[in-house]
C-alpha atoms as a PDB file:
ATOM      1  CA  MET A   1      76.160 106.177  72.066  1.00  0.00           C
ATOM      2  CA  THR A   2      75.775 105.477  68.397  1.00  0.00           C
ATOM      3  CA  ASP A   3      77.350 103.184  66.129  1.00  0.00           C
ATOM      4  CA  GLY A   4      79.545 105.981  64.829  1.00  0.00           C
ATOM      5  CA  ASP A   5      81.026 106.763  68.411  1.00  0.00           C
ATOM      6  CA  ASN A   6      84.350 104.959  68.413  1.00  0.00           C
ATOM      7  CA  SER A   7      85.084 105.646  72.121  1.00  0.00           C
ATOM      8  CA  LEU A   8      85.039 101.972  73.072  1.00  0.00           C
ATOM      9  CA  GLU A   9      87.541 101.151  70.344  1.00  0.00           C
ATOM     10  CA  ALA A  10      89.686 104.238  71.330  1.00  0.00           C
ATOM     11  CA  ALA A  11      89.760 103.220  74.826  1.00  0.00           C
ATOM     12  CA  ALA A  12      90.581  99.636  73.980  1.00  0.00           C
ATOM     13  CA  GLN A  13      93.465 100.724  71.968  1.00  0.00           C
ATOM     14  CA  ALA A  14      94.719 102.967  74.619  1.00  0.00           C
ATOM     15  CA  LEU A  15      94.501 100.106  77.090  1.00  0.00           C
ATOM     16  CA  ALA A  16      96.532  97.788  74.763  1.00  0.00           C
ATOM     17  CA  ALA A  17      99.184 100.506  74.213  1.00  0.00           C
ATOM     18  CA  ALA A  18      99.507 100.875  78.076  1.00  0.00           C
ATOM     19  CA  GLN A  19      99.687  97.249  78.708  1.00  0.00           C
ATOM     20  CA  ASP A  20     102.396  97.080  76.193  1.00  0.00           C
ATOM     21  CA  ALA A  21     104.372 100.070  77.697  1.00  0.00           C
ATOM     22  CA  LEU A  22     103.894  98.440  81.142  1.00  0.00           C
ATOM     23  CA  HIS A  23     105.467  95.105  79.816  1.00  0.00           C
ATOM     24  CA  VAL A  24     108.402  97.018  78.471  1.00  0.00           C
ATOM     25  CA  ALA A  25     108.954  98.877  81.690  1.00  0.00           C
ATOM     26  CA  ARG A  26     108.705  95.652  83.752  1.00  0.00           C
ATOM     27  CA  ARG A  27     111.273  94.022  81.428  1.00  0.00           C
ATOM     28  CA  ASN A  28     113.595  97.152  81.824  1.00  0.00           C
ATOM     29  CA  LEU A  29     113.303  96.940  85.522  1.00  0.00           C
ATOM     30  CA  SER A  30     114.131  93.345  85.749  1.00  0.00           C
ATOM     31  CA  ALA A  31     117.098  93.991  83.640  1.00  0.00           C
ATOM     32  CA  ALA A  32     118.402  96.783  85.790  1.00  0.00           C
ATOM     33  CA  VAL A  33     117.705  94.893  88.853  1.00  0.00           C
ATOM     34  CA  VAL A  34     119.828  91.974  87.724  1.00  0.00           C
ATOM     35  CA  THR A  35     122.558  94.233  86.500  1.00  0.00           C
ATOM     36  CA  ALA A  36     122.650  95.999  89.926  1.00  0.00           C
ATOM     37  CA  TYR A  37     122.646  92.746  91.814  1.00  0.00           C
ATOM     38  CA  ARG A  38     125.615  91.254  89.719  1.00  0.00           C
ATOM     39  CA  ALA A  39     127.356  94.510  90.269  1.00  0.00           C
ATOM     40  CA  GLY A  40     127.194  93.807  93.974  1.00  0.00           C
ATOM     41  CA  VAL A  41     124.378  95.853  95.027  1.00  0.00           C
ATOM     42  CA  SER A  42     122.346  94.169  97.980  1.00  0.00           C
ATOM     43  CA  VAL A  43     118.859  93.017  97.459  1.00  0.00           C
ATOM     44  CA  ALA A  44     117.778  95.421 100.323  1.00  0.00           C
ATOM     45  CA  ARG A  45     119.608  98.409  98.531  1.00  0.00           C
ATOM     46  CA  ILE A  46     117.866  97.511  95.344  1.00  0.00           C
ATOM     47  CA  ALA A  47     114.578  97.341  96.945  1.00  0.00           C
ATOM     48  CA  GLU A  48     115.095 100.587  98.684  1.00  0.00           C
ATOM     49  CA  ARG A  49     116.187 102.372  95.376  1.00  0.00           C
ATOM     50  CA  THR A  50     113.312 101.004  93.626  1.00  0.00           C
ATOM     51  CA  GLY A  51     110.480 101.201  96.006  1.00  0.00           C
ATOM     52  CA  LYS A  52     109.899  97.596  95.828  1.00  0.00           C
ATOM     53  CA  ASP A  53     109.678  94.905  98.496  1.00  0.00           C
ATOM     54  CA  ILE A  54     112.674  92.815  99.206  1.00  0.00           C
ATOM     55  CA  VAL A  55     110.441  89.768  98.269  1.00  0.00           C
ATOM     56  CA  ASP A  56     109.653  91.264  94.805  1.00  0.00           C
ATOM     57  CA  ILE A  57     113.454  91.846  94.089  1.00  0.00           C
ATOM     58  CA  ARG A  58     114.204  88.281  95.182  1.00  0.00           C
ATOM     59  CA  ASN A  59     111.494  86.938  93.001  1.00  0.00           C
ATOM     60  CA  ALA A  60     112.604  88.942  90.003  1.00  0.00           C
ATOM     61  CA  LEU A  61     116.194  87.565  90.589  1.00  0.00           C
ATOM     62  CA  ALA A  62     114.944  84.057  90.881  1.00  0.00           C
ATOM     63  CA  ALA A  63     112.855  84.271  87.835  1.00  0.00           C
ATOM     64  CA  THR A  64     115.916  85.318  85.587  1.00  0.00           C
ATOM     65  CA  GLY A  65     118.077  82.850  87.356  1.00  0.00           C
ATOM     66  CA  ALA A  66     120.364  85.683  88.267  1.00  0.00           C
ATOM     67  CA  SER A  67     123.627  85.133  90.455  1.00  0.00           C
ATOM     68  CA  ARG A  68     126.314  87.429  91.357  1.00  0.00           C
ATOM     69  CA  ARG A  69     128.609  85.661  88.815  1.00  0.00           C
ATOM     70  CA  THR A  70     128.706  87.263  85.509  1.00  0.00           C
END
């Protein structure tokens, strides 16, 4: 590798972009989980549909303070 090779910088930028996309995707999933729960979908069904564990769904709901009330 030489100083003119910018593969490290390119890889770091790609990683940062992927981390940003992951953050957005997690936020969107959390919002969808809360919306489904408030619409009356059971935690077990949400977990089944998302491929997540029931504990993960309960944690996401607890983190947002979600309840069935709108």
